[in-house]
Amino acid sequence: MAKQTINIGSTANDGTGSTIRAGGDLINDNFNEIYSAIGTGSAIQFNLSGVSNGDGLIYNNSNSRYEPSSLVITTTNTKTLENKTIALGSNTVSGTTAQFNAALSDNSFATLAGSESLTNKTFNTTNTFPALSLLDEGSTAGTVSLGGTLRINGDASIAAAVSGSTFTISLQSGIDAAKIADGSISNTEFQHLNGVTSNIQTQITAISGGLGAIVAAIAIG
């Protein structure tokens, strides 16, 4: 029912308003609707004893009355929710990453813009990562994707071996002499050093230092 209003006439006592009986009937109708809406029709069902600022009203089945309760969530009070589900599709939950992480009891969020350390995580081929750039001594560039394979080839001079997480690069025996210094010494020339047991220059100096006496002896003789 829409609210009914008593006609009070145009001016005081002009006889154009509602009669006393009609006015009283309108008053009764309005009150009857109020009592039916928030009560039993004959009694208001609100119990406001002990109400505090920020409280709301809940219906108590035990006495069929509306009573104040601190359990009601309002736009200004602070409550702890337990065993509740919030549909994110129709609700907005706002806050900073730090605030969300503080609210979590078991872990933290990782964000696109933040820097977080990830442990025990698995990345698959749908993830995109920057490639590792490689550059050799001849400035030839290459790339290896994260999760890809980097291969290092050995040759007759260098051995490359991997065992578990250890990669070992070592020199082979029988290195070509052309790979030593400026590469102008051959294997044959380098092999002449075999059997040398002391400083070559010292030996040459010792020999050249006695040449004068040997020459003189030859001349006298």
Protein backbone atom coordinates (compact mmCIF):
# COMPACT_ATOMS: atom_id res chain seq x y z
CA MET A 1 0.00 0.00 0.00
CA ALA A 2 1.22 3.49 -0.81
CA LYS A 3 1.40 5.98 2.06
CA GLN A 4 -1.98 7.62 2.68
CA THR A 5 -2.04 11.34 3.50
CA ILE A 6 -4.73 13.23 5.43
CA ASN A 7 -6.24 16.11 3.48
CA ILE A 8 -5.79 19.18 5.70
CA GLY A 9 -7.71 21.54 3.38
CA SER A 10 -6.51 24.75 1.77
CA THR A 11 -6.68 26.89 4.91
CA ALA A 12 -7.38 26.24 8.56
CA ASN A 13 -10.95 25.14 9.30
CA ASP A 14 -12.14 25.73 5.74
CA GLY A 15 -14.14 22.48 5.80
CA THR A 16 -12.46 21.08 2.67
CA GLY A 17 -10.12 18.59 4.36
CA SER A 18 -10.62 15.00 5.50
CA THR A 19 -13.12 14.41 8.27
CA ILE A 20 -11.86 13.33 11.67
CA ARG A 21 -13.07 9.81 11.03
CA ALA A 22 -11.53 9.63 7.56
CA GLY A 23 -8.26 11.05 8.88
CA GLY A 24 -8.17 8.56 11.72
CA ASP A 25 -8.77 5.74 9.25
CA LEU A 26 -5.82 6.89 7.15
CA ILE A 27 -3.62 6.99 10.26
CA ASN A 28 -4.67 3.48 11.24
CA ASP A 29 -4.01 2.15 7.75
CA ASN A 30 -0.51 3.64 7.70
CA PHE A 31 0.36 2.26 11.16
CA ASN A 32 -1.10 -1.14 10.32
CA GLU A 33 1.22 -1.38 7.33
CA ILE A 34 4.24 -0.38 9.43
CA TYR A 35 3.40 -2.87 12.20
CA SER A 36 2.88 -5.62 9.62
CA ALA A 37 6.16 -4.81 7.86
CA ILE A 38 8.41 -4.77 10.96
CA GLY A 39 6.29 -6.62 13.46
CA THR A 40 3.44 -9.03 13.95
CA GLY A 41 0.76 -6.59 12.88
CA SER A 42 0.02 -5.76 16.48
CA ALA A 43 3.52 -5.36 17.94
CA ILE A 44 6.83 -3.93 16.73
CA GLN A 45 9.52 -6.65 16.64
CA PHE A 46 12.58 -4.44 17.21
CA ASN A 47 14.65 -4.88 20.36
CA LEU A 48 17.10 -1.98 20.58
CA SER A 49 18.43 -2.62 24.08
CA GLY A 50 22.25 -2.65 24.21
CA VAL A 51 22.65 -1.31 20.69
CA SER A 52 26.09 0.14 19.86
CA ASN A 53 27.40 2.38 17.11
CA GLY A 54 27.91 0.39 13.91
CA ASP A 55 25.56 -2.46 14.92
CA GLY A 56 22.96 -3.82 12.53
CA LEU A 57 19.68 -5.66 12.96
CA ILE A 58 19.23 -9.39 12.53
CA TYR A 59 16.12 -11.51 12.91
CA ASN A 60 16.01 -13.79 15.95
CA ASN A 61 13.85 -16.87 15.32
CA SER A 62 13.68 -17.70 19.00
CA ASN A 63 11.61 -14.60 19.87
CA SER A 64 10.49 -13.49 16.39
CA ARG A 65 12.11 -10.09 16.79
CA TYR A 66 14.73 -7.97 15.06
CA GLU A 67 17.65 -7.31 17.43
CA PRO A 68 20.90 -5.35 17.23
CA SER A 69 23.97 -7.38 16.42
CA SER A 70 27.66 -6.64 15.94
CA LEU A 71 27.80 -9.47 13.40
CA VAL A 72 26.24 -7.34 10.67
CA ILE A 73 28.75 -5.97 8.17
CA THR A 74 28.36 -2.31 7.31
CA THR A 75 30.30 0.02 5.02
CA THR A 76 32.24 1.47 7.96
CA ASN A 77 32.82 -1.29 10.50
CA THR A 78 35.59 -3.88 10.52
CA LYS A 79 34.72 -7.56 10.73
CA THR A 80 36.56 -10.86 10.36
CA LEU A 81 34.83 -13.19 7.91
CA GLU A 82 35.06 -16.94 8.37
CA ASN A 83 33.98 -19.66 5.94
CA LYS A 84 32.66 -17.13 3.44
CA THR A 85 32.95 -17.09 -0.34
CA ILE A 86 33.38 -13.83 -2.25
CA ALA A 87 32.60 -14.02 -5.97
CA LEU A 88 35.31 -11.94 -7.64
CA GLY A 89 33.26 -11.70 -10.82
CA SER A 90 30.64 -9.53 -9.13
CA ASN A 91 32.72 -7.97 -6.32
CA THR A 92 35.80 -5.77 -6.21
CA VAL A 93 38.53 -6.57 -3.71
CA SER A 94 41.10 -3.76 -3.64
CA GLY A 95 44.48 -3.37 -1.94
CA THR A 96 48.24 -3.42 -2.53
CA THR A 97 50.27 -6.57 -3.09
CA ALA A 98 51.87 -6.08 0.33
CA GLN A 99 48.42 -5.88 1.94
CA PHE A 100 47.26 -9.05 0.18
CA ASN A 101 50.46 -10.87 1.15
CA ALA A 102 50.00 -9.74 4.76
CA ALA A 103 46.49 -11.22 4.69
CA LEU A 104 47.66 -14.58 3.35
CA SER A 105 48.48 -17.22 5.94
CA ASP A 106 50.45 -19.69 3.80
CA ASN A 107 52.33 -17.86 1.03
CA SER A 108 52.69 -14.68 -1.04
CA PHE A 109 51.58 -13.41 -4.44
CA ALA A 110 54.01 -12.96 -7.32
CA THR A 111 53.32 -9.95 -9.55
CA LEU A 112 54.29 -9.03 -13.10
CA ALA A 113 56.04 -5.84 -12.00
CA GLY A 114 57.58 -7.13 -8.78
CA SER A 115 60.79 -9.07 -8.11
CA GLU A 116 60.15 -12.32 -6.31
CA SER A 117 62.23 -15.45 -5.75
CA LEU A 118 60.43 -18.55 -7.03
CA THR A 119 61.26 -21.99 -5.64
CA ASN A 120 60.00 -25.43 -6.63
CA LYS A 121 58.18 -24.08 -9.68
CA THR A 122 57.82 -25.68 -13.11
CA PHE A 123 57.82 -23.58 -16.31
CA ASN A 124 56.48 -25.02 -19.55
CA THR A 125 56.65 -24.15 -23.22
CA THR A 126 53.76 -21.70 -22.93
CA ASN A 127 55.95 -19.37 -20.85
CA THR A 128 58.07 -16.77 -22.63
CA PHE A 129 61.59 -16.00 -21.41
CA PRO A 130 64.46 -13.93 -22.85
CA ALA A 131 67.10 -15.94 -24.69
CA LEU A 132 70.72 -16.15 -23.54
CA SER A 133 73.01 -14.23 -25.92
CA LEU A 134 76.30 -15.87 -26.90
CA LEU A 135 79.32 -14.23 -28.59
CA ASP A 136 82.53 -15.95 -29.67
CA GLU A 137 85.99 -14.44 -30.09
CA GLY A 138 85.21 -13.77 -33.72
CA SER A 139 82.13 -11.73 -32.71
CA THR A 140 79.80 -14.36 -34.13
CA ALA A 141 76.54 -14.12 -32.18
CA GLY A 142 74.15 -16.86 -31.17
CA THR A 143 71.29 -17.44 -28.74
CA VAL A 144 70.10 -20.25 -26.48
CA SER A 145 66.53 -20.27 -25.21
CA LEU A 146 65.96 -20.77 -21.50
CA GLY A 147 65.44 -24.49 -21.10
CA GLY A 148 67.32 -25.14 -24.35
CA THR A 149 70.67 -26.92 -24.81
CA LEU A 150 74.05 -25.20 -24.97
CA ARG A 151 76.63 -27.45 -26.67
CA ILE A 152 80.38 -26.87 -26.34
CA ASN A 153 82.43 -28.90 -28.81
CA GLY A 154 85.98 -29.98 -28.11
CA ASP A 155 88.65 -30.78 -30.72
CA ALA A 156 92.02 -32.51 -30.93
CA SER A 157 93.44 -29.97 -28.45
CA ILE A 158 90.56 -29.37 -26.03
CA ALA A 159 88.29 -31.92 -24.38
CA ALA A 160 84.79 -30.97 -23.17
CA ALA A 161 82.95 -33.29 -20.78
CA VAL A 162 79.82 -33.01 -18.65
CA SER A 163 78.96 -35.04 -15.57
CA GLY A 164 75.75 -34.20 -13.73
CA SER A 165 75.87 -30.45 -13.06
CA THR A 166 79.67 -30.19 -13.67
CA PHE A 167 81.11 -29.13 -17.03
CA THR A 168 84.86 -29.69 -17.47
CA ILE A 169 87.07 -28.24 -20.21
CA SER A 170 90.63 -29.59 -20.34
CA LEU A 171 93.64 -29.66 -22.70
CA GLN A 172 94.26 -32.80 -24.68
CA SER A 173 97.69 -34.39 -24.96
CA GLY A 174 99.46 -33.96 -28.31
CA ILE A 175 98.46 -30.36 -28.93
CA ASP A 176 99.54 -29.15 -32.38
CA ALA A 177 102.52 -26.77 -32.02
CA ALA A 178 100.85 -24.47 -34.54
CA LYS A 179 98.32 -23.63 -31.79
CA ILE A 180 101.09 -22.34 -29.48
CA ALA A 181 102.30 -18.70 -29.43
CA ASP A 182 102.00 -17.18 -32.92
CA GLY A 183 101.73 -20.56 -34.63
CA SER A 184 105.06 -20.27 -36.52
CA ILE A 185 106.69 -23.28 -34.81
CA SER A 186 106.08 -26.69 -36.33
CA ASN A 187 105.61 -29.91 -34.46
CA THR A 188 109.08 -31.08 -35.64
CA GLU A 189 110.76 -27.92 -34.34
CA PHE A 190 108.92 -28.07 -31.05
CA GLN A 191 109.78 -31.74 -30.61
CA HIS A 192 113.51 -30.87 -30.65
CA LEU A 193 112.99 -29.60 -27.11
CA ASN A 194 112.46 -33.19 -26.00
CA GLY A 195 115.23 -34.22 -23.60
CA VAL A 196 116.21 -30.67 -22.59
CA THR A 197 116.77 -30.73 -18.82
CA SER A 198 117.92 -27.15 -18.11
CA ASN A 199 117.72 -23.59 -19.41
CA ILE A 200 118.71 -23.60 -23.09
CA GLN A 201 119.99 -20.01 -23.06
CA THR A 202 122.27 -20.79 -20.08
CA GLN A 203 123.72 -23.75 -21.93
CA ILE A 204 124.37 -21.67 -25.08
CA THR A 205 125.97 -18.89 -23.05
CA ALA A 206 128.24 -21.37 -21.31
CA ILE A 207 129.33 -22.81 -24.65
CA SER A 208 129.91 -19.39 -26.28
CA GLY A 209 131.91 -18.17 -23.25
CA GLY A 210 134.65 -20.84 -23.78
CA LEU A 211 134.92 -20.49 -27.54
CA GLY A 212 137.79 -17.99 -27.28
CA ALA A 213 140.08 -20.37 -25.39
CA ILE A 214 139.24 -23.20 -27.76
CA VAL A 215 140.02 -21.04 -30.81
CA ALA A 216 143.30 -19.86 -29.23
CA ALA A 217 144.33 -23.40 -28.43
CA ILE A 218 143.64 -24.45 -31.99
CA ALA A 219 145.71 -21.50 -33.32
CA ILE A 220 148.71 -22.21 -31.06
CA GLY A 221 148.66 -25.82 -31.82
